[in-house]
C-alpha atoms as a PDB file:
ATOM      1  CA  MET A   1     -48.169   1.722  10.658  1.00  0.00           C
ATOM      2  CA  ALA A   2     -50.098  -0.670   8.442  1.00  0.00           C
ATOM      3  CA  LEU A   3     -48.225  -2.864   5.973  1.00  0.00           C
ATOM      4  CA  VAL A   4     -49.512  -4.347   2.758  1.00  0.00           C
ATOM      5  CA  CYS A   5     -48.277  -7.933   2.295  1.00  0.00           C
ATOM      6  CA  LYS A   6     -48.618  -9.890  -0.911  1.00  0.00           C
ATOM      7  CA  ILE A   7     -47.749 -13.445  -1.947  1.00  0.00           C
ATOM      8  CA  GLU A   8     -47.848 -14.251  -5.661  1.00  0.00           C
ATOM      9  CA  LEU A   9     -47.491 -17.785  -7.024  1.00  0.00           C
ATOM     10  CA  CYS A  10     -46.912 -18.447 -10.716  1.00  0.00           C
ATOM     11  CA  GLN A  11     -45.838 -21.608 -12.510  1.00  0.00           C
ATOM     12  CA  THR A  12     -43.665 -19.568 -14.929  1.00  0.00           C
ATOM     13  CA  ALA A  13     -42.559 -16.535 -12.861  1.00  0.00           C
ATOM     14  CA  GLY A  14     -42.156 -18.384  -9.546  1.00  0.00           C
ATOM     15  CA  ILE A  15     -42.893 -16.853  -6.144  1.00  0.00           C
ATOM     16  CA  THR A  16     -42.951 -13.163  -5.267  1.00  0.00           C
ATOM     17  CA  LEU A  17     -43.222 -11.889  -1.702  1.00  0.00           C
ATOM     18  CA  THR A  18     -43.948  -8.178  -1.305  1.00  0.00           C
ATOM     19  CA  VAL A  19     -44.195  -5.955   1.775  1.00  0.00           C
ATOM     20  CA  GLU A  20     -45.242  -2.333   1.232  1.00  0.00           C
ATOM     21  CA  ASN A  21     -44.718   0.398   3.816  1.00  0.00           C
ATOM     22  CA  GLN A  22     -46.815   3.180   2.346  1.00  0.00           C
ATOM     23  CA  ASP A  23     -46.108   5.606   5.218  1.00  0.00           C
ATOM     24  CA  ASP A  24     -42.337   5.563   4.631  1.00  0.00           C
ATOM     25  CA  GLU A  25     -42.592   4.738   0.918  1.00  0.00           C
ATOM     26  CA  ILE A  26     -40.536   1.562   1.265  1.00  0.00           C
ATOM     27  CA  THR A  27     -41.208  -1.620  -0.701  1.00  0.00           C
ATOM     28  CA  GLN A  28     -39.499  -4.916   0.124  1.00  0.00           C
ATOM     29  CA  THR A  29     -39.629  -7.692  -2.450  1.00  0.00           C
ATOM     30  CA  ALA A  30     -38.333 -11.261  -2.551  1.00  0.00           C
ATOM     31  CA  THR A  31     -38.581 -13.187  -5.812  1.00  0.00           C
ATOM     32  CA  PHE A  32     -37.782 -16.817  -6.568  1.00  0.00           C
ATOM     33  CA  ASP A  33     -38.023 -17.464 -10.311  1.00  0.00           C
ATOM     34  CA  GLY A  34     -36.309 -20.857 -10.526  1.00  0.00           C
ATOM     35  CA  THR A  35     -33.016 -19.283 -11.619  1.00  0.00           C
ATOM     36  CA  THR A  36     -32.367 -16.306  -9.377  1.00  0.00           C
ATOM     37  CA  ILE A  37     -33.280 -15.373  -5.817  1.00  0.00           C
ATOM     38  CA  THR A  38     -33.628 -11.593  -5.600  1.00  0.00           C
ATOM     39  CA  LEU A  39     -34.132  -9.529  -2.455  1.00  0.00           C
ATOM     40  CA  THR A  40     -34.969  -5.871  -3.125  1.00  0.00           C
ATOM     41  CA  CYS A  41     -35.546  -2.960  -0.763  1.00  0.00           C
ATOM     42  CA  LYS A  42     -36.715   0.204  -2.549  1.00  0.00           C
ATOM     43  CA  GLY A  43     -37.030   3.484  -0.700  1.00  0.00           C
ATOM     44  CA  LYS A  44     -37.796   7.062  -1.659  1.00  0.00           C
ATOM     45  CA  GLU A  45     -34.345   7.771  -3.114  1.00  0.00           C
ATOM     46  CA  THR A  46     -32.244   4.599  -3.029  1.00  0.00           C
ATOM     47  CA  THR A  47     -32.645   0.901  -3.776  1.00  0.00           C
ATOM     48  CA  SER A  48     -30.559  -2.032  -2.569  1.00  0.00           C
ATOM     49  CA  TYR A  49     -30.746  -5.625  -3.723  1.00  0.00           C
ATOM     50  CA  ILE A  50     -29.150  -9.032  -3.353  1.00  0.00           C
ATOM     51  CA  ALA A  51     -29.237 -11.406  -6.317  1.00  0.00           C
ATOM     52  CA  GLN A  52     -28.233 -15.058  -5.953  1.00  0.00           C
ATOM     53  CA  THR A  53     -27.835 -17.633  -8.703  1.00  0.00           C
ATOM     54  CA  SER A  54     -26.341 -21.104  -8.609  1.00  0.00           C
ATOM     55  CA  ASP A  55     -22.827 -19.732  -9.203  1.00  0.00           C
ATOM     56  CA  ALA A  56     -22.866 -16.068  -8.097  1.00  0.00           C
ATOM     57  CA  ILE A  57     -24.109 -13.614  -5.481  1.00  0.00           C
ATOM     58  CA  THR A  58     -24.403  -9.913  -6.294  1.00  0.00           C
ATOM     59  CA  ILE A  59     -24.968  -7.200  -3.684  1.00  0.00           C
ATOM     60  CA  SER A  60     -25.770  -3.616  -4.669  1.00  0.00           C
ATOM     61  CA  CYS A  61     -26.365  -0.913  -2.060  1.00  0.00           C
ATOM     62  CA  GLN A  62     -25.358   2.574  -0.985  1.00  0.00           C
ATOM     63  CA  THR A  63     -23.586   1.475   2.228  1.00  0.00           C
ATOM     64  CA  PHE A  64     -22.296  -2.044   2.963  1.00  0.00           C
ATOM     65  CA  THR A  65     -21.249  -2.880   6.540  1.00  0.00           C
ATOM     66  CA  VAL A  66     -19.917  -6.155   7.990  1.00  0.00           C
ATOM     67  CA  GLU A  67     -19.227  -6.577  11.713  1.00  0.00           C
ATOM     68  CA  ALA A  68     -17.946  -9.765  13.336  1.00  0.00           C
ATOM     69  CA  ASP A  69     -15.427 -11.041  15.871  1.00  0.00           C
ATOM     70  CA  THR A  70     -13.454 -12.795  13.088  1.00  0.00           C
ATOM     71  CA  ILE A  71     -13.737 -12.330   9.322  1.00  0.00           C
ATOM     72  CA  THR A  72     -12.087 -14.645   6.781  1.00  0.00           C
ATOM     73  CA  CYS A  73     -12.264 -14.050   3.020  1.00  0.00           C
ATOM     74  CA  LYS A  74     -10.639 -16.639   0.767  1.00  0.00           C
ATOM     75  CA  SER A  75     -10.633 -17.144  -2.988  1.00  0.00           C
ATOM     76  CA  THR A  76      -9.123 -20.086  -4.860  1.00  0.00           C
ATOM     77  CA  LYS A  77      -8.353 -17.729  -7.756  1.00  0.00           C
ATOM     78  CA  ASP A  78      -8.083 -13.943  -8.013  1.00  0.00           C
ATOM     79  CA  THR A  79      -9.241 -11.336  -5.475  1.00  0.00           C
ATOM     80  CA  SER A  80      -9.769  -7.680  -6.384  1.00  0.00           C
ATOM     81  CA  HIS A  81     -10.592  -4.668  -4.198  1.00  0.00           C
ATOM     82  CA  GLN A  82     -11.275  -1.355  -5.910  1.00  0.00           C
ATOM     83  CA  ALA A  83     -12.414   2.018  -4.590  1.00  0.00           C
ATOM     84  CA  GLU A  84     -13.233   5.007  -6.787  1.00  0.00           C
ATOM     85  CA  GLY A  85     -12.789   7.166  -3.679  1.00  0.00           C
ATOM     86  CA  THR A  86     -10.455   6.696  -0.696  1.00  0.00           C
ATOM     87  CA  PHE A  87      -9.280   3.181   0.233  1.00  0.00           C
ATOM     88  CA  THR A  88      -8.381   2.853   3.922  1.00  0.00           C
ATOM     89  CA  ILE A  89      -7.091  -0.113   5.945  1.00  0.00           C
ATOM     90  CA  ASP A  90      -6.823   0.394   9.727  1.00  0.00           C
ATOM     91  CA  SER A  91      -5.759  -1.997  12.464  1.00  0.00           C
ATOM     92  CA  THR A  92      -5.365  -1.408  16.200  1.00  0.00           C
ATOM     93  CA  GLY A  93      -3.102  -4.505  16.352  1.00  0.00           C
ATOM     94  CA  ASP A  94      -0.331  -5.789  14.087  1.00  0.00           C
ATOM     95  CA  ALA A  95      -0.872  -5.696  10.307  1.00  0.00           C
ATOM     96  CA  LYS A  96       0.768  -8.066   7.811  1.00  0.00           C
ATOM     97  CA  VAL A  97       0.795  -8.357   4.018  1.00  0.00           C
ATOM     98  CA  ASN A  98       2.409 -11.556   2.734  1.00  0.00           C
ATOM     99  CA  THR A  99       2.783 -13.108  -0.699  1.00  0.00           C
ATOM    100  CA  SER A 100       4.495 -16.276  -1.940  1.00  0.00           C
ATOM    101  CA  ALA A 101       5.305 -14.549  -5.255  1.00  0.00           C
ATOM    102  CA  ASN A 102       6.205 -10.998  -6.312  1.00  0.00           C
ATOM    103  CA  MET A 103       4.680  -7.813  -4.865  1.00  0.00           C
ATOM    104  CA  THR A 104       4.292  -4.442  -6.572  1.00  0.00           C
ATOM    105  CA  ILE A 105       3.329  -1.194  -4.818  1.00  0.00           C
ATOM    106  CA  SER A 106       2.864   1.857  -7.028  1.00  0.00           C
ATOM    107  CA  ALA A 107       1.335   5.322  -6.829  1.00  0.00           C
ATOM    108  CA  SER A 108       0.601   7.737  -9.665  1.00  0.00           C
ATOM    109  CA  THR A 109       1.750  10.754  -7.612  1.00  0.00           C
ATOM    110  CA  THR A 110       3.255  10.436  -4.121  1.00  0.00           C
ATOM    111  CA  LEU A 111       4.060   7.345  -2.043  1.00  0.00           C
ATOM    112  CA  SER A 112       4.678   8.011   1.661  1.00  0.00           C
ATOM    113  CA  MET A 113       5.759   5.635   4.415  1.00  0.00           C
ATOM    114  CA  SER A 114       6.232   6.620   8.055  1.00  0.00           C
ATOM    115  CA  ALA A 115       6.836   4.798  11.343  1.00  0.00           C
ATOM    116  CA  ALA A 116       8.742   5.155  14.606  1.00  0.00           C
ATOM    117  CA  ASP A 117      11.291   2.666  13.169  1.00  0.00           C
ATOM    118  CA  ILE A 118      11.584   1.373   9.596  1.00  0.00           C
ATOM    119  CA  SER A 119      13.607  -1.683   8.593  1.00  0.00           C
ATOM    120  CA  ALA A 120      13.972  -2.971   5.028  1.00  0.00           C
ATOM    121  CA  THR A 121      15.903  -6.182   4.312  1.00  0.00           C
ATOM    122  CA  ALA A 122      16.643  -8.002   1.065  1.00  0.00           C
ATOM    123  CA  GLN A 123      18.274 -11.436   0.910  1.00  0.00           C
ATOM    124  CA  ASP A 124      19.927 -10.697  -2.440  1.00  0.00           C
ATOM    125  CA  SER A 125      20.106  -7.080  -3.599  1.00  0.00           C
ATOM    126  CA  ALA A 126      18.384  -3.755  -2.877  1.00  0.00           C
ATOM    127  CA  SER A 127      18.077  -0.833  -5.268  1.00  0.00           C
ATOM    128  CA  LEU A 128      16.826   2.733  -4.793  1.00  0.00           C
ATOM    129  CA  THR A 129      16.661   4.849  -7.949  1.00  0.00           C
ATOM    130  CA  ALA A 130      15.312   8.349  -8.595  1.00  0.00           C
ATOM    131  CA  SER A 131      16.252  11.450 -10.576  1.00  0.00           C
ATOM    132  CA  THR A 132      17.051  13.063  -7.205  1.00  0.00           C
ATOM    133  CA  THR A 133      17.707  10.884  -4.147  1.00  0.00           C
ATOM    134  CA  THR A 134      18.094  12.246  -0.606  1.00  0.00           C
ATOM    135  CA  VAL A 135      19.076  10.285   2.502  1.00  0.00           C
ATOM    136  CA  ASN A 136      18.829  12.367   5.650  1.00  0.00           C
ATOM    137  CA  GLY A 137      19.384  11.703   9.330  1.00  0.00           C
ATOM    138  CA  ASP A 138      18.598  14.506  11.765  1.00  0.00           C
ATOM    139  CA  SER A 139      21.216  13.252  14.232  1.00  0.00           C
ATOM    140  CA  LYS A 140      23.356  10.632  12.429  1.00  0.00           C
ATOM    141  CA  THR A 141      23.494   8.840   9.076  1.00  0.00           C
ATOM    142  CA  SER A 142      25.523   5.640   8.691  1.00  0.00           C
ATOM    143  CA  ILE A 143      26.321   3.647   5.549  1.00  0.00           C
ATOM    144  CA  THR A 144      28.212   0.388   6.161  1.00  0.00           C
ATOM    145  CA  GLY A 145      29.194  -2.678   4.164  1.00  0.00           C
ATOM    146  CA  ASN A 146      32.008  -5.149   3.577  1.00  0.00           C
ATOM    147  CA  GLU A 147      32.885  -3.040   0.545  1.00  0.00           C
ATOM    148  CA  LEU A 148      31.684   0.522  -0.011  1.00  0.00           C
ATOM    149  CA  ALA A 149      31.775   2.274  -3.368  1.00  0.00           C
ATOM    150  CA  LEU A 150      30.632   5.844  -3.967  1.00  0.00           C
ATOM    151  CA  THR A 151      30.696   6.922  -7.607  1.00  0.00           C
ATOM    152  CA  ALA A 152      29.394   9.850  -9.646  1.00  0.00           C
ATOM    153  CA  GLN A 153      29.319  10.288 -13.427  1.00  0.00           C
ATOM    154  CA  SER A 154      30.131  13.994 -13.122  1.00  0.00           C
ATOM    155  CA  THR A 155      30.975  15.560  -9.729  1.00  0.00           C
ATOM    156  CA  ALA A 156      31.229  14.010  -6.264  1.00  0.00           C
ATOM    157  CA  SER A 157      31.182  16.375  -3.282  1.00  0.00           C
ATOM    158  CA  MET A 158      31.504  15.815   0.467  1.00  0.00           C
ATOM    159  CA  GLU A 159      31.075  18.718   2.872  1.00  0.00           C
ATOM    160  CA  GLY A 160      30.844  19.135   6.611  1.00  0.00           C
ATOM    161  CA  ALA A 161      31.864  21.381   9.482  1.00  0.00           C
ATOM    162  CA  MET A 162      34.547  18.735  10.115  1.00  0.00           C
ATOM    163  CA  VAL A 163      35.450  15.900   7.709  1.00  0.00           C
ATOM    164  CA  ASN A 164      37.507  12.926   8.881  1.00  0.00           C
ATOM    165  CA  ILE A 165      38.781  10.242   6.495  1.00  0.00           C
ATOM    166  CA  SER A 166      40.772   7.356   7.923  1.00  0.00           C
ATOM    167  CA  ALA A 167      41.938   3.915   6.779  1.00  0.00           C
ATOM    168  CA  GLN A 168      43.233   1.103   8.973  1.00  0.00           C
ATOM    169  CA  SER A 169      45.811   0.031   6.373  1.00  0.00           C
ATOM    170  CA  THR A 170      46.313   1.908   3.093  1.00  0.00           C
ATOM    171  CA  MET A 171      44.662   5.054   1.736  1.00  0.00           C
ATOM    172  CA  ASP A 172      45.048   6.150  -1.873  1.00  0.00           C
ATOM    173  CA  ILE A 173      44.070   9.619  -3.127  1.00  0.00           C
ATOM    174  CA  GLU A 174      44.562   9.876  -6.863  1.00  0.00           C
ATOM    175  CA  GLY A 175      43.529  12.220  -9.642  1.00  0.00           C
ATOM    176  CA  SER A 176      44.865  13.643 -12.894  1.00  0.00           C
ATOM    177  CA  THR A 177      45.017  16.913 -10.945  1.00  0.00           C
ATOM    178  CA  THR A 178      44.925  16.698  -7.145  1.00  0.00           C
ATOM    179  CA  THR A 179      44.777  19.768  -4.937  1.00  0.00           C
ATOM    180  CA  LEU A 180      44.936  19.970  -1.137  1.00  0.00           C
ATOM    181  CA  THR A 181      43.953  23.424   0.066  1.00  0.00           C
ATOM    182  CA  GLY A 182      43.469  24.877   3.527  1.00  0.00           C
ATOM    183  CA  LYS A 183      44.378  27.897   5.594  1.00  0.00           C
ATOM    184  CA  ILE A 184      46.583  25.479   7.512  1.00  0.00           C
ATOM    185  CA  THR A 185      47.565  22.238   5.736  1.00  0.00           C
ATOM    186  CA  ASN A 186      49.399  19.554   7.714  1.00  0.00           C
ATOM    187  CA  ILE A 187      51.052  16.507   6.204  1.00  0.00           C
ATOM    188  CA  GLU A 188      52.379  14.179   8.888  1.00  0.00           C
ATOM    189  CA  GLY A 189      53.846  10.682   8.981  1.00  0.00           C
ATOM    190  CA  ASN A 190      56.874   8.666   9.996  1.00  0.00           C
ATOM    191  CA  LEU A 191      57.851   8.539   6.318  1.00  0.00           C
ATOM    192  CA  ILE A 192      56.640  11.138   3.805  1.00  0.00           C
ATOM    193  CA  LYS A 193      57.449  10.769   0.092  1.00  0.00           C
ATOM    194  CA  LEU A 194      56.633  13.552  -2.330  1.00  0.00           C
ATOM    195  CA  GLY A 195      57.258  13.095  -6.044  1.00  0.00           C
END
């Protein structure tokens, strides 16, 4: 394979270095024009380039790959990552996302989260709101708190093969109309007052 190498010097255009691979139809060019350093690799179908000025570096290519033992990216202002296709973050070790301010996670359609164990903690308050909300435990579901309030604007229902309601001190069941129904209904106590 024979390469054609050129060096062009110009007081106004600067320096241009060119390497032509005519067999593979690849041309590599490096230009220094006093303002911008440009590295270009042009093939049969695609072209990649790196442009560097005194305040910016631009990289344009079909595939961009970085491999290193440790990678650190830091910006004193804003950082933006955008993918028009699929955006994937994988880690074989622990993964952390931290912020000293607020964090917003949103999805236009479906947001899914799965793990062997999930723990969510808020120092102040936690809120979960949806038009339909389902909390399911295949074996057991527990809701605990110093005070527990269950309210519904229309109808509240509780069903189960067996339902147990107990209070350590006082239990009040009250309604404008209250009905206790069962094939067998037992009312027991040391003192029972009706009416």
